[in-house]
C-alpha atoms as a PDB file:
ATOM      1  CA  MET A   1    -109.967  19.151 -33.645  1.00  0.00           C
ATOM      2  CA  ARG A   2    -107.052  21.018 -32.050  1.00  0.00           C
ATOM      3  CA  MET A   3    -106.039  24.433 -33.515  1.00  0.00           C
ATOM      4  CA  LEU A   4    -103.545  26.752 -32.621  1.00  0.00           C
ATOM      5  CA  LEU A   5    -104.208  30.512 -31.963  1.00  0.00           C
ATOM      6  CA  VAL A   6    -101.694  32.904 -33.177  1.00  0.00           C
ATOM      7  CA  LYS A   7    -101.080  36.565 -32.242  1.00  0.00           C
ATOM      8  CA  LEU A   8     -98.739  38.047 -34.690  1.00  0.00           C
ATOM      9  CA  GLU A   9     -97.164  41.692 -34.913  1.00  0.00           C
ATOM     10  CA  CYS A  10     -95.567  42.903 -38.353  1.00  0.00           C
ATOM     11  CA  ARG A  11     -93.755  45.758 -39.788  1.00  0.00           C
ATOM     12  CA  LYS A  12     -92.967  46.768 -42.938  1.00  0.00           C
ATOM     13  CA  ILE A  13     -95.886  45.213 -44.775  1.00  0.00           C
ATOM     14  CA  ALA A  14     -99.198  46.347 -45.951  1.00  0.00           C
ATOM     15  CA  VAL A  15    -102.391  45.374 -44.232  1.00  0.00           C
ATOM     16  CA  GLU A  16    -103.794  44.070 -47.640  1.00  0.00           C
ATOM     17  CA  GLU A  17    -100.403  42.008 -48.335  1.00  0.00           C
ATOM     18  CA  LEU A  18    -100.585  40.278 -44.947  1.00  0.00           C
ATOM     19  CA  VAL A  19    -104.402  39.464 -45.297  1.00  0.00           C
ATOM     20  CA  GLU A  20    -103.643  38.083 -48.838  1.00  0.00           C
ATOM     21  CA  LEU A  21    -101.003  35.767 -47.282  1.00  0.00           C
ATOM     22  CA  LEU A  22    -103.157  34.694 -44.068  1.00  0.00           C
ATOM     23  CA  SER A  23    -105.863  33.963 -46.417  1.00  0.00           C
ATOM     24  CA  ASP A  24    -103.764  30.763 -47.739  1.00  0.00           C
ATOM     25  CA  TYR A  25    -102.712  29.348 -44.258  1.00  0.00           C
ATOM     26  CA  ALA A  26    -105.350  30.555 -41.658  1.00  0.00           C
ATOM     27  CA  GLU A  27    -108.867  29.566 -41.042  1.00  0.00           C
ATOM     28  CA  LEU A  28    -111.657  31.931 -42.011  1.00  0.00           C
ATOM     29  CA  GLY A  29    -112.345  34.568 -39.450  1.00  0.00           C
ATOM     30  CA  PHE A  30    -109.147  35.868 -38.884  1.00  0.00           C
ATOM     31  CA  ARG A  31    -108.449  39.591 -37.969  1.00  0.00           C
ATOM     32  CA  VAL A  32    -105.670  41.933 -39.221  1.00  0.00           C
ATOM     33  CA  TRP A  33    -105.628  45.626 -38.163  1.00  0.00           C
ATOM     34  CA  LEU A  34    -103.005  48.459 -38.320  1.00  0.00           C
ATOM     35  CA  TYR A  35    -101.931  50.428 -35.230  1.00  0.00           C
ATOM     36  CA  ASP A  36     -98.963  52.937 -34.998  1.00  0.00           C
ATOM     37  CA  LYS A  37     -97.348  51.678 -38.061  1.00  0.00           C
ATOM     38  CA  LYS A  38     -97.471  48.047 -37.205  1.00  0.00           C
ATOM     39  CA  VAL A  39     -99.800  45.368 -38.673  1.00  0.00           C
ATOM     40  CA  TYR A  40    -101.480  42.912 -36.095  1.00  0.00           C
ATOM     41  CA  ALA A  41    -103.029  39.697 -36.912  1.00  0.00           C
ATOM     42  CA  ILE A  42    -105.092  37.240 -34.754  1.00  0.00           C
ATOM     43  CA  PHE A  43    -105.747  34.065 -36.339  1.00  0.00           C
ATOM     44  CA  LYS A  44    -106.507  29.944 -36.083  1.00  0.00           C
ATOM     45  CA  ILE A  45    -104.329  27.654 -37.829  1.00  0.00           C
ATOM     46  CA  SER A  46    -104.899  23.941 -38.050  1.00  0.00           C
ATOM     47  CA  SER A  47    -101.173  22.742 -37.216  1.00  0.00           C
ATOM     48  CA  MET A  48     -97.788  23.489 -36.508  1.00  0.00           C
ATOM     49  CA  SER A  49     -96.854  22.429 -39.815  1.00  0.00           C
ATOM     50  CA  VAL A  50     -98.887  24.719 -41.340  1.00  0.00           C
ATOM     51  CA  LEU A  51     -97.626  27.417 -39.105  1.00  0.00           C
ATOM     52  CA  LYS A  52     -94.124  26.620 -40.067  1.00  0.00           C
ATOM     53  CA  GLN A  53     -95.035  26.981 -44.010  1.00  0.00           C
ATOM     54  CA  LEU A  54     -96.416  30.340 -43.110  1.00  0.00           C
ATOM     55  CA  ILE A  55     -93.171  31.276 -41.225  1.00  0.00           C
ATOM     56  CA  ASP A  56     -91.370  30.294 -44.145  1.00  0.00           C
ATOM     57  CA  LYS A  57     -93.360  32.314 -46.463  1.00  0.00           C
ATOM     58  CA  LEU A  58     -92.872  35.496 -44.077  1.00  0.00           C
ATOM     59  CA  ASN A  59     -89.238  34.869 -43.930  1.00  0.00           C
ATOM     60  CA  ALA A  60     -89.301  35.016 -47.695  1.00  0.00           C
ATOM     61  CA  ILE A  61     -90.345  38.776 -47.645  1.00  0.00           C
ATOM     62  CA  HIS A  62     -86.956  40.353 -47.212  1.00  0.00           C
ATOM     63  CA  HIS A  63     -88.012  43.766 -45.880  1.00  0.00           C
ATOM     64  CA  LEU A  64     -90.394  42.068 -43.294  1.00  0.00           C
ATOM     65  CA  LYS A  65     -89.904  41.939 -39.662  1.00  0.00           C
ATOM     66  CA  PHE A  66     -92.275  39.885 -37.320  1.00  0.00           C
ATOM     67  CA  LYS A  67     -92.860  38.540 -34.046  1.00  0.00           C
ATOM     68  CA  PHE A  68     -95.353  36.170 -32.380  1.00  0.00           C
ATOM     69  CA  TYR A  69     -97.032  37.345 -29.234  1.00  0.00           C
ATOM     70  CA  ARG A  70     -98.372  34.293 -28.402  1.00  0.00           C
ATOM     71  CA  ILE A  71     -99.064  30.654 -29.927  1.00  0.00           C
ATOM     72  CA  GLU A  72    -101.579  28.519 -27.934  1.00  0.00           C
ATOM     73  CA  GLU A  73    -103.539  25.475 -28.350  1.00  0.00           C
ATOM     74  CA  VAL A  74    -107.398  26.133 -28.376  1.00  0.00           C
END
């Protein structure tokens, strides 16, 4: 089964809030950490449609700024 490996950078969100959000969409074993006032995450997701659902949730958080560093098929 093909998965997507996603690397994400976020600003203006708590680590705990991002972990809670990712737990609904990402596969088990994702990593989230804080560095220099930014929250980073690396995780696997099952499909592009699930990733689009996650993006919709991220966009719904008005103060959040995020960008993807890499999305690759694994």
